[in-house]
Amino acid sequence: MHNIRSWDWTVGNRLVADTAEWKKTCPYIEEPYVSPDGEKIAAIFRDEEAMAFCVRVNGEAWESTFEKIWYLRFTPDNRASAIVSDTGEWTVAVDGVPWESRFDYVWNTMFGPDGQDIVVAAQRGGRYMAAANDQPWDSEFLAIGSLAVSPDGKHAAAAVQTVPFSEGDIFTYQEGCFTVAIDGKPWDKNFVNVWDTAFSRDGRHVAAEVRTSLYHYTIAVDGTCWEEVYPSVWQPQFNPRTGSVTAPVRVAGNWMLAGEGKPVWDRKFVQLWHHMYSPDGEKLAAIVSPKFGRWTVAVEGDPWPMTFGELVTDAVFSPDGSRVACNGKEDGKWYVAVDGKRWDPGCTRAWAPVFSPDSRHVAAKVDRNGRYTLLFDGRLHKESYEALWDPIFSPEGDRVLVRCIREEGKYYRHVIPVEDI
């Protein structure tokens, strides 16, 4: 999040908007969204008289209205953005101001870390491209997918189709019709398929899952494939410290973690995916299945003894790399697990756990029988809410920003000392 130290971290509970009042003047209101700093709450409205849609932020309507609005989201620097349709063409609007570029369709809005860079996938005249900050790529393609933005937000990469083929033209397809394009420039080499692009930390390199034939898969880095091929692979990642590339690969019926085509961990799993590096690049973790039907997290190749029967998701390292948290599901209930220990009680739903900047505390939004609350360091917060957004810790980790709707639609921005949760 952008410039978090400039936010208001004064302890207290402040009413920002009464969303129940909005419904008195407009019968059609979509799901509200909240800015990262908690100062704004926005929703898409329909003006029945004008037969148009608008966005209202803290109750104040944008000056512009549109034929249709969707995917309302706040940027990291707390501006309201949305995908909008005007006279049958689609574009992006930020704080009510639309881009000049127009498209037949727009989707998959992505942001740079400071919110200044906005990237979308777009289609115009049957050709596909990405557009960044109102500037479409110079090159257009037959298809686009797996859009990714570099860590600094200045570059975009995607899997693209460069060679046309009909539905029954299996011979052209097998010769390779897909590649990766970075800022509109495609790699020189084509593949049968391409999925899940990933940038290096400095944004200078790109890796992707590629299919080199009907039966062989591998990882390509800057257009060059690993020497080894596999029956299947998952998304690659760059080590943020060394810049080397690793990926889960399938070998002899099991999954292992490989780096530059060589084994990284000395054991295999029934499944291994969603691997991640600690922020300093010193540690690796992944979601794994140590035996059929059971899921957990492995850190440096060692799986947690505790497992879940339905799924594990939202795994995350602490800022200092010493801890790992995730969500898991067992017998229909969701749990948060930290460092191999499951937190009780089980919940109707749990969202991604969040570490404090000093890595001492963990908080997560949870649903308990239709009411939302926080699970903090293994204990439930005493308050519950009509609606709740992910918690955010202060820079020192001693306070938590709770963005919530209490009873009767009143949206509050509540800063709570951690000892009071």
Protein backbone atom coordinates (compact mmCIF):
# COMPACT_ATOMS: atom_id res chain seq x y z
CA MET A 1 0.00 0.00 0.00
CA HIS A 2 1.10 3.50 -0.86
CA ASN A 3 2.56 5.87 1.73
CA ILE A 4 0.90 4.16 4.67
CA ARG A 5 2.71 6.37 7.19
CA SER A 6 0.75 9.38 5.99
CA TRP A 7 -2.57 7.79 6.99
CA ASP A 8 -4.44 8.81 10.12
CA TRP A 9 -3.38 6.32 12.81
CA THR A 10 -5.06 8.15 15.69
CA VAL A 11 -6.79 5.61 17.94
CA GLY A 12 -10.54 5.98 17.66
CA ASN A 13 -13.77 5.15 15.87
CA ARG A 14 -14.96 7.57 13.16
CA LEU A 15 -18.17 7.44 11.12
CA VAL A 16 -17.32 7.99 7.45
CA ALA A 17 -20.65 7.40 5.69
CA ASP A 18 -24.14 6.09 6.28
CA THR A 19 -24.75 3.71 3.37
CA ALA A 20 -28.34 3.14 4.47
CA GLU A 21 -29.10 6.73 3.47
CA TRP A 22 -27.93 6.02 -0.08
CA LYS A 23 -30.73 3.51 -0.58
CA LYS A 24 -33.36 6.15 0.16
CA THR A 25 -32.44 8.08 -2.99
CA CYS A 26 -31.39 5.22 -5.27
CA PRO A 27 -33.03 1.79 -5.25
CA TYR A 28 -30.24 0.10 -7.27
CA ILE A 29 -26.88 0.03 -5.48
CA GLU A 30 -24.15 -2.55 -5.98
CA GLU A 31 -21.65 -3.92 -3.48
CA PRO A 32 -19.56 -1.18 -1.80
CA TYR A 33 -15.76 -0.99 -1.91
CA VAL A 34 -13.46 0.75 0.56
CA SER A 35 -10.19 2.60 -0.05
CA PRO A 36 -7.01 1.18 1.49
CA ASP A 37 -6.72 4.09 3.96
CA GLY A 38 -10.35 3.63 4.99
CA GLU A 39 -11.28 7.24 4.29
CA LYS A 40 -13.62 6.45 1.37
CA ILE A 41 -16.42 4.04 0.60
CA ALA A 42 -17.79 3.80 -2.93
CA ALA A 43 -20.48 1.93 -4.84
CA ILE A 44 -22.00 1.76 -8.31
CA PHE A 45 -25.45 3.37 -8.57
CA ARG A 46 -28.08 3.36 -11.29
CA ASP A 47 -29.90 6.60 -12.06
CA GLU A 48 -33.33 5.34 -13.10
CA GLU A 49 -34.40 8.66 -14.63
CA ALA A 50 -31.27 9.09 -16.74
CA MET A 51 -31.03 5.34 -17.40
CA ALA A 52 -27.30 5.57 -16.62
CA PHE A 53 -24.81 4.36 -14.05
CA CYS A 54 -22.59 6.39 -11.76
CA VAL A 55 -20.16 5.90 -8.88
CA ARG A 56 -20.66 7.63 -5.57
CA VAL A 57 -17.77 8.06 -3.15
CA ASN A 58 -18.80 8.85 0.43
CA GLY A 59 -22.20 9.69 -1.06
CA GLU A 60 -20.86 12.17 -3.62
CA ALA A 61 -21.54 11.22 -7.24
CA TRP A 62 -18.98 11.38 -10.02
CA GLU A 63 -19.72 14.16 -12.48
CA SER A 64 -19.77 11.66 -15.36
CA THR A 65 -22.37 8.95 -15.89
CA PHE A 66 -21.99 5.88 -18.11
CA GLU A 67 -24.08 3.26 -19.89
CA LYS A 68 -22.55 0.55 -17.71
CA ILE A 69 -19.95 0.35 -14.93
CA TRP A 70 -18.27 -2.69 -13.47
CA TYR A 71 -15.18 -3.80 -11.54
CA LEU A 72 -15.11 -0.82 -9.19
CA ARG A 73 -11.83 -0.90 -7.26
CA PHE A 74 -9.65 1.54 -5.33
CA THR A 75 -6.07 2.08 -6.41
CA PRO A 76 -3.29 1.70 -3.81
CA ASP A 77 -3.18 5.52 -3.59
CA ASN A 78 -6.91 5.61 -2.73
CA ARG A 79 -8.46 6.70 -6.03
CA ALA A 80 -11.68 5.07 -7.25
CA SER A 81 -11.31 3.28 -10.60
CA ALA A 82 -13.83 1.39 -12.68
CA ILE A 83 -14.33 -0.14 -16.10
CA VAL A 84 -17.00 1.91 -17.89
CA SER A 85 -19.01 1.83 -21.12
CA ASP A 86 -19.79 5.03 -23.02
CA THR A 87 -21.65 5.03 -26.37
CA GLY A 88 -20.98 1.33 -26.77
CA GLU A 89 -17.23 1.55 -26.17
CA TRP A 90 -15.32 0.53 -23.04
CA THR A 91 -12.50 2.23 -21.16
CA VAL A 92 -11.21 2.94 -17.64
CA ALA A 93 -12.36 5.83 -15.47
CA VAL A 94 -10.41 7.07 -12.45
CA ASP A 95 -12.20 9.37 -10.00
CA GLY A 96 -14.81 9.85 -12.71
CA VAL A 97 -12.41 10.87 -15.48
CA PRO A 98 -12.36 8.34 -18.37
CA TRP A 99 -9.31 7.48 -20.43
CA GLU A 100 -9.26 8.87 -23.96
CA SER A 101 -8.58 5.40 -25.42
CA ARG A 102 -11.68 3.38 -26.29
CA PHE A 103 -12.07 -0.37 -26.82
CA ASP A 104 -14.68 -2.96 -27.70
CA TYR A 105 -14.06 -4.49 -24.27
CA VAL A 106 -11.79 -4.05 -21.25
CA TRP A 107 -11.09 -6.38 -18.31
CA ASN A 108 -8.61 -7.44 -15.61
CA THR A 109 -7.62 -4.08 -14.08
CA MET A 110 -4.21 -4.26 -12.36
CA PHE A 111 -2.27 -1.65 -10.39
CA GLY A 112 1.34 -0.76 -9.72
CA PRO A 113 2.39 -0.63 -6.06
CA ASP A 114 1.96 3.13 -5.69
CA GLY A 115 -1.31 3.28 -7.64
CA GLN A 116 0.05 5.55 -10.36
CA ASP A 117 0.19 2.78 -12.96
CA ILE A 118 -3.02 1.12 -14.16
CA VAL A 119 -2.97 -1.76 -16.66
CA VAL A 120 -5.86 -3.58 -18.33
CA ALA A 121 -6.41 -6.21 -21.00
CA ALA A 122 -8.40 -4.90 -23.95
CA GLN A 123 -9.98 -5.94 -27.26
CA ARG A 124 -10.64 -3.74 -30.25
CA GLY A 125 -11.72 -4.82 -33.71
CA GLY A 126 -11.17 -8.47 -32.89
CA ARG A 127 -7.54 -7.83 -31.87
CA TYR A 128 -6.18 -7.98 -28.34
CA MET A 129 -3.63 -5.94 -26.42
CA ALA A 130 -2.86 -4.49 -23.00
CA ALA A 131 -3.23 -0.81 -22.20
CA ALA A 132 -1.21 0.98 -19.53
CA ASN A 133 -2.11 4.44 -18.28
CA ASP A 134 -4.34 5.12 -21.29
CA GLN A 135 -1.67 3.94 -23.75
CA PRO A 136 -2.52 0.75 -25.70
CA TRP A 137 0.33 -1.48 -26.83
CA ASP A 138 1.57 -0.69 -30.31
CA SER A 139 1.24 -4.38 -31.22
CA GLU A 140 -2.07 -6.21 -31.35
CA PHE A 141 -2.64 -9.97 -31.09
CA LEU A 142 -5.20 -12.66 -31.84
CA ALA A 143 -5.70 -13.47 -28.14
CA ILE A 144 -4.32 -12.43 -24.76
CA GLY A 145 -4.20 -14.01 -21.30
CA SER A 146 -2.16 -14.36 -18.10
CA LEU A 147 -1.59 -10.61 -17.83
CA ALA A 148 1.07 -9.66 -15.26
CA VAL A 149 2.49 -6.36 -14.07
CA SER A 150 6.10 -5.87 -12.97
CA PRO A 151 6.75 -5.17 -9.26
CA ASP A 152 7.30 -1.48 -9.97
CA GLY A 153 4.20 -1.26 -12.16
CA LYS A 154 6.13 0.06 -15.17
CA HIS A 155 5.92 -3.02 -17.40
CA ALA A 156 3.24 -5.53 -18.43
CA ALA A 157 3.56 -9.03 -19.84
CA ALA A 158 0.97 -11.46 -21.19
CA ALA A 159 0.54 -14.72 -23.05
CA VAL A 160 -0.51 -13.85 -26.62
CA GLN A 161 -1.50 -15.61 -29.84
CA THR A 162 0.57 -14.53 -32.83
CA VAL A 163 -0.38 -17.13 -35.48
CA PRO A 164 -4.00 -17.66 -36.62
CA PHE A 165 -5.49 -21.14 -36.94
CA SER A 166 -8.98 -22.53 -37.34
CA GLU A 167 -10.67 -24.83 -34.85
CA GLY A 168 -9.75 -27.95 -36.81
CA ASP A 169 -6.25 -26.92 -37.88
CA ILE A 170 -4.34 -29.13 -35.47
CA PHE A 171 -1.17 -29.07 -37.54
CA THR A 172 -0.68 -25.28 -37.35
CA TYR A 173 -1.60 -25.42 -33.67
CA GLN A 174 1.08 -28.01 -32.94
CA GLU A 175 3.72 -25.90 -34.65
CA GLY A 176 3.22 -23.23 -32.00
CA CYS A 177 0.97 -20.19 -32.16
CA PHE A 178 1.47 -18.61 -28.73
CA THR A 179 4.25 -16.66 -27.03
CA VAL A 180 4.84 -13.97 -24.40
CA ALA A 181 4.71 -10.26 -25.12
CA ILE A 182 6.33 -7.66 -22.84
CA ASP A 183 5.06 -4.11 -23.31
CA GLY A 184 3.70 -5.29 -26.66
CA LYS A 185 6.93 -6.86 -27.94
CA PRO A 186 6.65 -10.65 -28.43
CA TRP A 187 9.39 -13.19 -27.83
CA ASP A 188 10.95 -14.58 -30.99
CA LYS A 189 9.95 -18.15 -30.13
CA ASN A 190 6.41 -19.57 -30.28
CA PHE A 191 4.92 -22.42 -28.23
CA VAL A 192 1.93 -24.74 -28.37
CA ASN A 193 0.56 -22.99 -25.26
CA VAL A 194 1.70 -20.36 -22.75
CA TRP A 195 0.35 -19.71 -19.23
CA ASP A 196 1.10 -17.71 -16.07
CA THR A 197 3.78 -15.11 -16.73
CA ALA A 198 5.95 -13.79 -13.88
CA PHE A 199 8.35 -10.86 -13.60
CA SER A 200 11.68 -10.69 -11.81
CA ARG A 201 11.90 -8.22 -8.95
CA ASP A 202 13.70 -5.63 -11.11
CA GLY A 203 11.17 -6.05 -13.93
CA ARG A 204 13.88 -6.87 -16.49
CA HIS A 205 13.07 -10.57 -16.96
CA VAL A 206 9.93 -12.64 -17.54
CA ALA A 207 9.29 -16.37 -17.05
CA ALA A 208 6.26 -18.43 -18.08
CA GLU A 209 4.83 -21.93 -18.22
CA VAL A 210 5.08 -23.17 -21.80
CA ARG A 211 4.00 -26.25 -23.74
CA THR A 212 6.58 -27.27 -26.33
CA SER A 213 4.58 -30.15 -27.81
CA LEU A 214 1.33 -31.96 -27.14
CA TYR A 215 3.01 -33.93 -24.36
CA HIS A 216 5.87 -31.77 -23.04
CA TYR A 217 5.90 -28.77 -20.75
CA THR A 218 8.69 -26.64 -19.33
CA ILE A 219 9.61 -23.13 -18.19
CA ALA A 220 10.79 -20.40 -20.54
CA VAL A 221 12.77 -17.42 -19.29
CA ASP A 222 13.07 -14.47 -21.65
CA GLY A 223 12.09 -16.83 -24.46
CA THR A 224 14.68 -19.52 -23.68
CA CYS A 225 13.42 -22.88 -22.41
CA TRP A 226 14.88 -24.99 -19.67
CA GLU A 227 16.65 -28.03 -21.06
CA GLU A 228 14.40 -30.39 -19.09
CA VAL A 229 10.79 -31.06 -20.16
CA TYR A 230 8.01 -32.49 -17.99
CA PRO A 231 4.48 -33.96 -18.20
CA SER A 232 3.22 -30.79 -16.49
CA VAL A 233 4.43 -27.63 -14.71
CA TRP A 234 2.97 -24.83 -12.58
CA GLN A 235 3.70 -21.10 -12.47
CA PRO A 236 7.38 -20.11 -12.14
CA GLN A 237 8.73 -17.59 -9.66
CA PHE A 238 11.91 -15.52 -9.52
CA ASN A 239 14.05 -15.54 -6.40
CA PRO A 240 13.97 -11.88 -5.33
CA ARG A 241 17.57 -12.09 -4.07
CA THR A 242 19.39 -14.08 -6.78
CA GLY A 243 17.06 -13.72 -9.76
CA SER A 244 17.05 -17.49 -10.38
CA VAL A 245 13.81 -19.17 -11.50
CA THR A 246 11.98 -22.03 -9.81
CA ALA A 247 8.75 -23.87 -10.63
CA PRO A 248 6.75 -26.91 -9.51
CA VAL A 249 7.16 -29.74 -12.04
CA ARG A 250 5.67 -33.23 -12.39
CA VAL A 251 8.12 -36.14 -12.50
CA ALA A 252 7.21 -39.85 -12.50
CA GLY A 253 3.70 -39.25 -11.19
CA ASN A 254 4.66 -36.90 -8.37
CA TRP A 255 5.48 -33.21 -8.01
CA MET A 256 8.75 -31.60 -7.05
CA LEU A 257 10.24 -28.12 -6.99
CA ALA A 258 12.83 -27.45 -9.67
CA GLY A 259 15.22 -24.58 -10.25
CA GLU A 260 16.65 -24.02 -13.73
CA GLY A 261 15.47 -27.58 -14.46
CA LYS A 262 17.23 -29.17 -11.45
CA PRO A 263 15.67 -30.38 -8.15
CA VAL A 264 15.55 -27.78 -5.38
CA TRP A 265 13.96 -29.83 -2.60
CA ASP A 266 15.00 -33.43 -1.90
CA ARG A 267 11.46 -34.80 -1.72
CA LYS A 268 8.37 -35.14 -3.89
CA PHE A 269 4.67 -34.64 -3.21
CA VAL A 270 1.34 -35.81 -4.56
CA GLN A 271 0.83 -32.15 -5.52
CA LEU A 272 2.92 -29.00 -5.14
CA TRP A 273 1.91 -25.53 -6.30
CA HIS A 274 1.63 -21.83 -5.37
CA HIS A 275 5.23 -21.72 -4.23
CA MET A 276 6.58 -18.43 -2.89
CA TYR A 277 9.75 -16.82 -1.61
CA SER A 278 10.25 -14.96 1.62
CA PRO A 279 10.74 -11.22 1.02
CA ASP A 280 14.52 -11.56 1.38
CA GLY A 281 14.64 -14.59 -0.93
CA GLU A 282 16.25 -16.80 1.72
CA LYS A 283 13.33 -19.24 2.15
CA LEU A 284 10.88 -21.10 -0.07
CA ALA A 285 7.42 -22.36 0.82
CA ALA A 286 4.63 -24.00 -1.15
CA ILE A 287 1.17 -25.50 -0.79
CA VAL A 288 1.62 -29.26 -0.98
CA SER A 289 -0.23 -32.54 -0.73
CA PRO A 290 2.00 -34.98 1.21
CA LYS A 291 -0.52 -37.75 0.66
CA PHE A 292 -3.62 -38.09 -1.47
CA GLY A 293 -6.51 -35.97 -0.17
CA ARG A 294 -4.52 -34.04 2.46
CA TRP A 295 -3.09 -30.52 2.09
CA THR A 296 -0.63 -28.41 4.03
CA VAL A 297 2.29 -25.99 3.65
CA ALA A 298 5.91 -27.04 3.18
CA VAL A 299 8.69 -24.64 4.19
CA GLU A 300 12.12 -25.39 2.78
CA GLY A 301 10.76 -28.76 1.70
CA ASP A 302 9.47 -29.79 5.15
CA PRO A 303 5.67 -30.12 5.32
CA TRP A 304 3.77 -29.07 8.40
CA PRO A 305 2.49 -32.07 10.42
CA MET A 306 -0.96 -30.46 10.47
CA THR A 307 -3.02 -31.03 7.29
CA PHE A 308 -6.43 -30.12 5.86
CA GLY A 309 -8.75 -32.41 3.92
CA GLU A 310 -10.41 -29.96 1.51
CA LEU A 311 -7.91 -27.25 0.58
CA VAL A 312 -5.15 -24.88 1.59
CA THR A 313 -4.95 -21.36 0.15
CA ASP A 314 -3.71 -17.79 0.77
CA ALA A 315 -0.28 -18.88 2.04
CA VAL A 316 1.94 -15.91 2.92
CA PHE A 317 5.35 -15.26 4.47
CA SER A 318 5.82 -12.78 7.29
CA PRO A 319 7.83 -9.65 6.39
CA ASP A 320 10.94 -11.01 8.13
CA GLY A 321 10.57 -14.43 6.47
CA SER A 322 10.50 -16.32 9.76
CA ARG A 323 6.80 -17.26 9.76
CA VAL A 324 4.14 -18.56 7.36
CA ALA A 325 0.36 -18.34 7.57
CA CYS A 326 -2.43 -19.75 5.40
CA ASN A 327 -6.11 -20.64 5.29
CA GLY A 328 -7.37 -24.21 5.21
CA LYS A 329 -10.70 -26.00 5.00
CA GLU A 330 -11.70 -29.14 6.84
CA ASP A 331 -15.18 -30.72 7.13
CA GLY A 332 -16.82 -27.64 5.65
CA LYS A 333 -15.19 -25.17 8.04
CA TRP A 334 -12.47 -22.63 7.34
CA TYR A 335 -9.43 -22.17 9.58
CA VAL A 336 -6.40 -19.92 9.80
CA ALA A 337 -3.12 -21.74 10.39
CA VAL A 338 0.15 -20.12 11.43
CA ASP A 339 3.53 -21.85 11.68
CA GLY A 340 1.91 -25.26 11.40
CA LYS A 341 -0.73 -24.71 14.08
CA ARG A 342 -4.44 -24.43 13.32
CA TRP A 343 -6.40 -21.70 15.05
CA ASP A 344 -9.79 -22.63 16.45
CA PRO A 345 -12.67 -22.09 16.14
CA GLY A 346 -13.60 -22.98 12.60
CA CYS A 347 -15.42 -20.33 10.58
CA THR A 348 -17.96 -20.13 7.79
CA ARG A 349 -15.26 -18.43 5.68
CA ALA A 350 -11.80 -17.00 6.24
CA TRP A 351 -9.87 -14.47 4.15
CA ALA A 352 -6.13 -14.10 3.58
CA PRO A 353 -4.16 -13.69 6.82
CA VAL A 354 -2.18 -10.47 7.26
CA PHE A 355 1.10 -10.12 9.20
CA SER A 356 2.09 -7.01 11.10
CA PRO A 357 5.21 -5.23 9.76
CA ASP A 358 7.25 -6.55 12.71
CA SER A 359 5.98 -10.11 12.00
CA ARG A 360 4.75 -10.51 15.60
CA HIS A 361 1.00 -10.47 14.94
CA VAL A 362 -1.41 -12.08 12.47
CA ALA A 363 -4.95 -10.97 11.73
CA ALA A 364 -7.60 -12.22 9.31
CA LYS A 365 -11.16 -11.34 8.38
CA VAL A 366 -13.56 -14.22 9.05
CA ASP A 367 -17.26 -14.96 8.63
CA ARG A 368 -18.98 -16.44 11.65
CA ASN A 369 -22.53 -17.47 10.76
CA GLY A 370 -23.25 -14.43 8.61
CA ARG A 371 -21.45 -11.86 10.78
CA TYR A 372 -17.89 -10.72 10.15
CA THR A 373 -15.13 -10.28 12.69
CA LEU A 374 -11.35 -10.47 13.12
CA LEU A 375 -9.33 -13.48 14.13
CA PHE A 376 -6.26 -11.99 15.80
CA ASP A 377 -3.33 -14.05 17.07
CA GLY A 378 -5.66 -17.03 17.49
CA ARG A 379 -8.49 -15.26 19.30
CA LEU A 380 -11.75 -13.79 18.05
CA HIS A 381 -12.29 -10.05 18.27
CA LYS A 382 -15.11 -9.14 20.66
CA GLU A 383 -17.00 -7.13 18.02
CA SER A 384 -18.79 -8.40 14.92
CA TYR A 385 -19.91 -6.45 11.87
CA GLU A 386 -22.42 -6.30 9.04
CA ALA A 387 -19.51 -5.94 6.59
CA LEU A 388 -15.75 -5.96 7.06
CA TRP A 389 -12.65 -5.47 4.91
CA ASP A 390 -9.16 -6.93 5.38
CA PRO A 391 -7.31 -5.53 8.40
CA ILE A 392 -4.29 -3.27 7.94
CA PHE A 393 -1.54 -2.85 10.50
CA SER A 394 0.12 0.46 11.29
CA PRO A 395 3.79 0.83 10.25
CA GLU A 396 4.92 0.04 13.80
CA GLY A 397 2.54 -2.93 14.08
CA ASP A 398 0.98 -1.63 17.29
CA ARG A 399 -2.41 -0.66 15.82
CA VAL A 400 -4.92 -2.15 13.40
CA LEU A 401 -7.14 -0.28 10.95
CA VAL A 402 -10.58 -1.89 10.95
CA ARG A 403 -12.78 -0.81 8.03
CA CYS A 404 -16.29 -1.94 8.86
CA ILE A 405 -20.02 -1.46 8.47
CA ARG A 406 -21.75 -1.79 11.80
CA GLU A 407 -25.49 -1.99 12.24
CA GLU A 408 -27.88 -0.26 9.81
CA GLY A 409 -25.31 0.43 7.09
CA LYS A 410 -23.05 2.85 8.95
CA TYR A 411 -19.45 2.62 7.68
CA TYR A 412 -16.73 3.31 10.26
CA ARG A 413 -13.00 3.74 10.17
CA HIS A 414 -11.75 2.27 13.46
CA VAL A 415 -8.11 2.32 14.61
CA ILE A 416 -7.59 -0.12 17.49
CA PRO A 417 -4.45 -0.80 19.59
CA VAL A 418 -3.47 -4.44 19.21
CA GLU A 419 -3.80 -5.04 22.95
CA ASP A 420 -7.51 -4.10 22.74
CA ILE A 421 -8.41 -6.69 20.11
